[in-house]
C-alpha atoms as a PDB file:
ATOM      1  CA  ALA A   1      -0.064   0.047   0.035  1.00  0.00           C
ATOM      2  CA  ASN A   2       1.211   3.051  -0.708  1.00  0.00           C
ATOM      3  CA  GLU A   3      -0.079   6.876  -1.194  1.00  0.00           C
ATOM      4  CA  THR A   4       3.065   8.658  -1.787  1.00  0.00           C
ATOM      5  CA  LYS A   5       2.037   9.316  -5.617  1.00  0.00           C
ATOM      6  CA  LEU A   6      -1.392   9.372  -5.482  1.00  0.00           C
ATOM      7  CA  PRO A   7      -2.716  11.810  -8.348  1.00  0.00           C
ATOM      8  CA  GLN A   8      -2.691  15.339  -7.769  1.00  0.00           C
ATOM      9  CA  GLY A   9      -4.883  18.196  -8.596  1.00  0.00           C
ATOM     10  CA  ASP A  10      -7.348  17.601 -11.798  1.00  0.00           C
ATOM     11  CA  ASP A  11      -6.086  14.365 -11.975  1.00  0.00           C
ATOM     12  CA  LYS A  12      -9.280  11.481 -11.689  1.00  0.00           C
ATOM     13  CA  ARG A  13      -7.261   8.723 -11.784  1.00  0.00           C
ATOM     14  CA  GLN A  14      -7.216   5.664  -9.948  1.00  0.00           C
ATOM     15  CA  TRP A  15      -4.309   3.890 -10.718  1.00  0.00           C
ATOM     16  CA  TYR A  16      -0.368   5.048 -11.016  1.00  0.00           C
ATOM     17  CA  LEU A  17       2.446   2.458 -12.505  1.00  0.00           C
ATOM     18  CA  THR A  18       5.608   1.916 -10.085  1.00  0.00           C
ATOM     19  CA  THR A  19       9.512   2.251 -11.348  1.00  0.00           C
ATOM     20  CA  GLN A  20       8.985  -1.722 -11.138  1.00  0.00           C
ATOM     21  CA  GLY A  21       6.312  -1.754 -13.877  1.00  0.00           C
ATOM     22  CA  GLN A  22       3.556  -2.949 -11.056  1.00  0.00           C
ATOM     23  CA  THR A  23       0.054  -1.297 -11.584  1.00  0.00           C
ATOM     24  CA  MET A  24      -1.197  -0.053  -8.167  1.00  0.00           C
ATOM     25  CA  VAL A  25      -5.078   0.704  -8.112  1.00  0.00           C
ATOM     26  CA  ILE A  26      -6.479   3.285  -5.620  1.00  0.00           C
ATOM     27  CA  LEU A  27      -8.907   2.392  -3.874  1.00  0.00           C
ATOM     28  CA  ASN A  28     -11.341   4.398  -1.064  1.00  0.00           C
ATOM     29  CA  ALA A  29     -12.145   2.302   1.809  1.00  0.00           C
ATOM     30  CA  ASP A  30     -14.794   3.660   3.660  1.00  0.00           C
ATOM     31  CA  GLY A  31     -17.753   1.148   5.455  1.00  0.00           C
ATOM     32  CA  PHE A  32     -17.875  -2.165   3.994  1.00  0.00           C
ATOM     33  CA  LEU A  33     -19.441  -5.263   4.970  1.00  0.00           C
ATOM     34  CA  MET A  34     -16.689  -8.161   6.129  1.00  0.00           C
ATOM     35  CA  GLY A  35     -17.174 -11.753   6.453  1.00  0.00           C
ATOM     36  CA  SER A  36     -19.359 -14.289   4.073  1.00  0.00           C
ATOM     37  CA  PRO A  37     -23.221 -14.667   3.582  1.00  0.00           C
ATOM     38  CA  GLU A  38     -24.903 -17.643   5.409  1.00  0.00           C
ATOM     39  CA  THR A  39     -25.020 -19.472   1.618  1.00  0.00           C
ATOM     40  CA  GLU A  40     -21.383 -19.546   1.531  1.00  0.00           C
ATOM     41  CA  PRO A  41     -20.431 -22.892   1.146  1.00  0.00           C
ATOM     42  CA  ASP A  42     -17.667 -24.448   3.710  1.00  0.00           C
ATOM     43  CA  ARG A  43     -18.884 -21.291   5.859  1.00  0.00           C
ATOM     44  CA  GLN A  44     -16.840 -20.604   9.080  1.00  0.00           C
ATOM     45  CA  PRO A  45     -18.584 -19.856  12.096  1.00  0.00           C
ATOM     46  CA  ASP A  46     -16.388 -16.652  13.040  1.00  0.00           C
ATOM     47  CA  GLU A  47     -17.381 -15.350   9.443  1.00  0.00           C
ATOM     48  CA  THR A  48     -20.483 -13.853  10.525  1.00  0.00           C
ATOM     49  CA  LEU A  49     -20.809 -10.568   8.331  1.00  0.00           C
ATOM     50  CA  HIS A  50     -20.804  -7.436   9.855  1.00  0.00           C
ATOM     51  CA  ARG A  51     -19.843  -3.636   9.262  1.00  0.00           C
ATOM     52  CA  ARG A  52     -16.137  -2.419   9.174  1.00  0.00           C
ATOM     53  CA  THR A  53     -14.972   1.000   8.732  1.00  0.00           C
ATOM     54  CA  ILE A  54     -11.409   1.498   7.116  1.00  0.00           C
ATOM     55  CA  GLY A  55     -11.908   5.217   6.575  1.00  0.00           C
ATOM     56  CA  ARG A  56      -8.855   5.714   4.687  1.00  0.00           C
ATOM     57  CA  LYS A  57      -7.159   5.598   0.982  1.00  0.00           C
ATOM     58  CA  PHE A  58      -5.195   2.814   0.006  1.00  0.00           C
ATOM     59  CA  ALA A  59      -3.642   1.269  -3.039  1.00  0.00           C
ATOM     60  CA  ILE A  60      -3.240  -2.089  -3.819  1.00  0.00           C
ATOM     61  CA  ALA A  61      -1.082  -3.913  -6.381  1.00  0.00           C
ATOM     62  CA  SER A  62      -3.173  -4.967  -9.347  1.00  0.00           C
ATOM     63  CA  LYS A  63      -1.681  -8.152  -9.688  1.00  0.00           C
ATOM     64  CA  GLU A  64       0.450 -10.379  -7.441  1.00  0.00           C
ATOM     65  CA  VAL A  65       4.305  -9.646  -7.032  1.00  0.00           C
ATOM     66  CA  THR A  66       5.868 -12.037 -10.533  1.00  0.00           C
ATOM     67  CA  LYS A  67       9.082 -14.310 -10.174  1.00  0.00           C
ATOM     68  CA  ALA A  68      11.092 -11.669 -12.454  1.00  0.00           C
ATOM     69  CA  GLN A  69       9.780  -8.958 -10.357  1.00  0.00           C
ATOM     70  CA  PHE A  70      11.069 -10.819  -6.990  1.00  0.00           C
ATOM     71  CA  ARG A  71      14.218 -11.450  -8.098  1.00  0.00           C
ATOM     72  CA  ALA A  72      15.338  -8.559  -8.628  1.00  0.00           C
ATOM     73  CA  PHE A  73      14.938  -7.626  -5.320  1.00  0.00           C
ATOM     74  CA  GLU A  74      16.797 -11.014  -4.429  1.00  0.00           C
ATOM     75  CA  ARG A  75      19.421  -9.887  -6.629  1.00  0.00           C
ATOM     76  CA  ALA A  76      20.132  -6.844  -4.994  1.00  0.00           C
ATOM     77  CA  ASN A  77      20.028  -8.200  -1.511  1.00  0.00           C
ATOM     78  CA  PRO A  78      22.079 -11.684  -1.724  1.00  0.00           C
ATOM     79  CA  ALA A  79      21.797 -12.281   1.843  1.00  0.00           C
ATOM     80  CA  ILE A  80      18.422 -13.118   1.362  1.00  0.00           C
ATOM     81  CA  ALA A  81      18.091 -17.012   0.322  1.00  0.00           C
ATOM     82  CA  PRO A  82      16.208 -17.699  -3.275  1.00  0.00           C
ATOM     83  CA  VAL A  83      13.374 -19.768  -2.776  1.00  0.00           C
ATOM     84  CA  GLU A  84      13.232 -22.486  -5.180  1.00  0.00           C
ATOM     85  CA  ILE A  85       9.856 -22.816  -6.549  1.00  0.00           C
ATOM     86  CA  GLU A  86      10.350 -23.941 -10.308  1.00  0.00           C
ATOM     87  CA  GLU A  87       8.264 -27.219  -9.996  1.00  0.00           C
ATOM     88  CA  THR A  88       5.262 -25.283  -8.979  1.00  0.00           C
ATOM     89  CA  SER A  89       5.873 -21.812 -10.555  1.00  0.00           C
ATOM     90  CA  LYS A  90       7.646 -22.323 -14.084  1.00  0.00           C
ATOM     91  CA  THR A  91       7.420 -18.528 -15.604  1.00  0.00           C
ATOM     92  CA  ASP A  92       9.146 -15.197 -15.085  1.00  0.00           C
ATOM     93  CA  ASP A  93       5.583 -13.681 -15.496  1.00  0.00           C
ATOM     94  CA  SER A  94       3.949 -16.160 -12.620  1.00  0.00           C
ATOM     95  CA  PRO A  95       3.734 -15.098  -9.043  1.00  0.00           C
ATOM     96  CA  GLN A  96       6.230 -15.519  -6.269  1.00  0.00           C
ATOM     97  CA  LEU A  97       5.438 -18.261  -4.185  1.00  0.00           C
ATOM     98  CA  SER A  98       6.704 -19.197  -0.709  1.00  0.00           C
ATOM     99  CA  VAL A  99       8.053 -15.959   1.076  1.00  0.00           C
ATOM    100  CA  ASP A 100       7.264 -15.580   4.386  1.00  0.00           C
ATOM    101  CA  TRP A 101       6.326 -12.351   6.026  1.00  0.00           C
ATOM    102  CA  TYR A 102       9.921 -11.227   6.970  1.00  0.00           C
ATOM    103  CA  ASN A 103      10.958 -11.021   3.702  1.00  0.00           C
ATOM    104  CA  ALA A 104       7.713 -10.077   2.350  1.00  0.00           C
ATOM    105  CA  ALA A 105       8.264  -7.096   4.366  1.00  0.00           C
ATOM    106  CA  ALA A 106      11.843  -6.626   3.577  1.00  0.00           C
ATOM    107  CA  TYR A 107      10.720  -6.223  -0.187  1.00  0.00           C
ATOM    108  CA  CYS A 108       8.347  -3.496   0.415  1.00  0.00           C
ATOM    109  CA  ASN A 109      11.339  -1.661   1.969  1.00  0.00           C
ATOM    110  CA  TRP A 110      13.294  -2.355  -0.947  1.00  0.00           C
ATOM    111  CA  LEU A 111      10.340  -0.891  -3.059  1.00  0.00           C
ATOM    112  CA  ASN A 112      10.800   2.244  -1.003  1.00  0.00           C
ATOM    113  CA  GLU A 113      14.277   2.676  -1.695  1.00  0.00           C
ATOM    114  CA  GLN A 114      13.524   2.325  -5.581  1.00  0.00           C
ATOM    115  CA  GLU A 115      10.667   4.767  -5.524  1.00  0.00           C
ATOM    116  CA  GLY A 116      12.220   7.221  -3.347  1.00  0.00           C
ATOM    117  CA  ILE A 117      10.722   7.242  -0.188  1.00  0.00           C
ATOM    118  CA  PRO A 118      12.086   8.877   2.376  1.00  0.00           C
ATOM    119  CA  GLN A 119      12.964   6.136   5.594  1.00  0.00           C
ATOM    120  CA  GLN A 120      10.290   8.323   8.177  1.00  0.00           C
ATOM    121  CA  GLN A 121       7.543   6.827   5.764  1.00  0.00           C
ATOM    122  CA  TRP A 122       8.757   3.453   5.397  1.00  0.00           C
ATOM    123  CA  CYS A 123       6.142   1.056   7.195  1.00  0.00           C
ATOM    124  CA  TYR A 124       8.530  -1.422   8.462  1.00  0.00           C
ATOM    125  CA  LEU A 125      11.541  -0.275  10.034  1.00  0.00           C
ATOM    126  CA  PRO A 126      14.405   0.459   8.534  1.00  0.00           C
ATOM    127  CA  LYS A 127      17.951  -1.586   9.027  1.00  0.00           C
ATOM    128  CA  THR A 128      19.671   1.481  10.935  1.00  0.00           C
ATOM    129  CA  VAL A 129      17.019   1.031  13.288  1.00  0.00           C
ATOM    130  CA  TYR A 130      15.674  -2.519  13.837  1.00  0.00           C
ATOM    131  CA  ASN A 131      17.444  -5.211  15.894  1.00  0.00           C
ATOM    132  CA  TYR A 132      14.518  -7.728  16.058  1.00  0.00           C
ATOM    133  CA  PRO A 133      14.509 -11.510  15.417  1.00  0.00           C
ATOM    134  CA  HIS A 134      14.241 -11.974  11.680  1.00  0.00           C
ATOM    135  CA  GLY A 135      15.775  -8.569  11.428  1.00  0.00           C
ATOM    136  CA  ILE A 136      12.332  -6.506  10.963  1.00  0.00           C
ATOM    137  CA  LYS A 137       9.402  -5.010  12.170  1.00  0.00           C
ATOM    138  CA  ARG A 138       6.450  -2.533  11.944  1.00  0.00           C
ATOM    139  CA  ALA A 139       6.608   0.866  12.578  1.00  0.00           C
ATOM    140  CA  ALA A 140       4.005   1.999  15.515  1.00  0.00           C
ATOM    141  CA  ASP A 141       2.319   4.121  13.291  1.00  0.00           C
ATOM    142  CA  TYR A 142       2.711   2.411  10.260  1.00  0.00           C
ATOM    143  CA  LEU A 143      -0.825   2.400   9.260  1.00  0.00           C
ATOM    144  CA  LYS A 144      -0.696   6.392   9.109  1.00  0.00           C
ATOM    145  CA  ARG A 145       2.887   6.344   7.295  1.00  0.00           C
ATOM    146  CA  THR A 146       2.615   6.297   3.126  1.00  0.00           C
ATOM    147  CA  GLY A 147       5.574   3.629   2.121  1.00  0.00           C
ATOM    148  CA  TYR A 148       4.435   0.399   1.158  1.00  0.00           C
ATOM    149  CA  ARG A 149       3.634  -2.245   3.192  1.00  0.00           C
ATOM    150  CA  LEU A 150       1.291  -5.763   3.147  1.00  0.00           C
ATOM    151  CA  PRO A 151      -2.291  -4.685   2.891  1.00  0.00           C
ATOM    152  CA  THR A 152      -4.406  -5.354   6.496  1.00  0.00           C
ATOM    153  CA  GLU A 153      -7.062  -8.478   6.665  1.00  0.00           C
ATOM    154  CA  ASP A 154     -10.034  -5.402   6.179  1.00  0.00           C
ATOM    155  CA  GLU A 155      -8.228  -3.929   3.267  1.00  0.00           C
ATOM    156  CA  TRP A 156      -7.263  -7.437   1.752  1.00  0.00           C
ATOM    157  CA  GLU A 157     -11.225  -8.591   1.866  1.00  0.00           C
ATOM    158  CA  PHE A 158     -12.088  -4.682   0.749  1.00  0.00           C
ATOM    159  CA  ALA A 159      -9.932  -5.006  -2.240  1.00  0.00           C
ATOM    160  CA  CYS A 160     -11.429  -8.611  -3.087  1.00  0.00           C
ATOM    161  CA  ARG A 161     -14.306  -8.333  -2.348  1.00  0.00           C
ATOM    162  CA  ALA A 162     -14.998  -5.095  -4.574  1.00  0.00           C
ATOM    163  CA  ALA A 163     -18.223  -4.052  -2.777  1.00  0.00           C
ATOM    164  CA  CYS A 164     -19.839  -7.329  -3.549  1.00  0.00           C
ATOM    165  CA  LEU A 165     -22.128  -9.219  -0.850  1.00  0.00           C
ATOM    166  CA  THR A 166     -22.176 -12.576  -2.517  1.00  0.00           C
ATOM    167  CA  SER A 167     -19.598 -15.310  -1.720  1.00  0.00           C
ATOM    168  CA  ARG A 168     -17.749 -14.612  -4.578  1.00  0.00           C
ATOM    169  CA  TYR A 169     -16.759 -11.080  -5.831  1.00  0.00           C
ATOM    170  CA  TYR A 170     -18.496 -11.975  -9.473  1.00  0.00           C
ATOM    171  CA  GLY A 171     -21.475 -13.606  -8.031  1.00  0.00           C
ATOM    172  CA  PRO A 172     -21.965 -17.405  -5.897  1.00  0.00           C
ATOM    173  CA  ALA A 173     -21.923 -19.685  -8.797  1.00  0.00           C
ATOM    174  CA  THR A 174     -18.931 -22.533  -8.320  1.00  0.00           C
ATOM    175  CA  THR A 175     -19.661 -22.684 -12.252  1.00  0.00           C
ATOM    176  CA  LEU A 176     -17.958 -19.659 -12.843  1.00  0.00           C
ATOM    177  CA  LEU A 177     -14.744 -19.784 -10.426  1.00  0.00           C
ATOM    178  CA  SER A 178     -12.190 -21.315 -13.302  1.00  0.00           C
ATOM    179  CA  LYS A 179     -12.883 -17.904 -14.997  1.00  0.00           C
ATOM    180  CA  TYR A 180     -11.506 -15.988 -12.162  1.00  0.00           C
ATOM    181  CA  ALA A 181      -9.246 -18.211 -10.206  1.00  0.00           C
ATOM    182  CA  TRP A 182      -6.469 -20.810 -10.639  1.00  0.00           C
ATOM    183  CA  HIS A 183      -7.883 -23.722  -8.392  1.00  0.00           C
ATOM    184  CA  ARG A 184      -7.430 -27.447  -7.312  1.00  0.00           C
ATOM    185  CA  ALA A 185      -9.405 -28.224 -10.824  1.00  0.00           C
ATOM    186  CA  ASN A 186      -7.696 -26.135 -13.370  1.00  0.00           C
ATOM    187  CA  SER A 187      -4.358 -25.376 -11.927  1.00  0.00           C
ATOM    188  CA  ARG A 188      -2.890 -28.505 -12.893  1.00  0.00           C
ATOM    189  CA  LYS A 189      -0.913 -27.965  -9.834  1.00  0.00           C
ATOM    190  CA  ARG A 190       0.561 -25.379 -10.536  1.00  0.00           C
ATOM    191  CA  SER A 191       0.932 -21.448 -10.865  1.00  0.00           C
ATOM    192  CA  TRP A 192       0.135 -19.798 -13.845  1.00  0.00           C
ATOM    193  CA  PRO A 193       0.909 -15.966 -15.066  1.00  0.00           C
ATOM    194  CA  VAL A 194      -0.682 -13.237 -13.596  1.00  0.00           C
ATOM    195  CA  GLY A 195      -3.478 -11.721 -14.728  1.00  0.00           C
ATOM    196  CA  ARG A 196      -4.601 -14.051 -17.338  1.00  0.00           C
ATOM    197  CA  LEU A 197      -8.201 -14.542 -16.345  1.00  0.00           C
ATOM    198  CA  LYS A 198     -10.795 -12.335 -15.102  1.00  0.00           C
ATOM    199  CA  PRO A 199     -10.719  -9.313 -13.158  1.00  0.00           C
ATOM    200  CA  ASN A 200     -12.564  -8.051 -10.349  1.00  0.00           C
ATOM    201  CA  ASP A 201     -14.821  -4.836 -10.656  1.00  0.00           C
ATOM    202  CA  PHE A 202     -11.878  -3.214  -8.755  1.00  0.00           C
ATOM    203  CA  GLY A 203      -9.620  -4.308 -11.975  1.00  0.00           C
ATOM    204  CA  LEU A 204      -7.290  -6.806  -9.405  1.00  0.00           C
END
């Protein structure tokens, strides 16, 4: 999430491109219903529909981070051990898999460096400040900062649901799932290049 490059003045665009070629979609997250409708298959008891308010704009990438994009980060940070995912993610434009939270946060900090975002706006404390297990920690006020970060659970669900009230953002029909998502029935136990299937109504 990043607000540093949000369009200014009369520019009404709700997206921008990063120097790494990622399209970031700007969402104005106010109140929304979080959770699952009672008719959703395999619904869990703790998924009751309830109103949540985020109350801020945030930006989220329109596609997953690809292997090629993450490899640039790995090359710039040789101390980070590369993850072998060739069997399940075969092409450079397939999503990067098997990244733990710490390396994902480090990737966000690296994006901050590439975009020239000042360290006081980084959501994860820079190396000159932190000395924690695994070497990274959120800033106390990270939700008020404008640097790159992982989305919160609320933000992720708001972005994924795209203001729908059904179990999936295209409606409740399981027969349409393969048009929007790679899953057990159509993936052949591997990932596929990002952005090949239909997006949701937010363009994600």
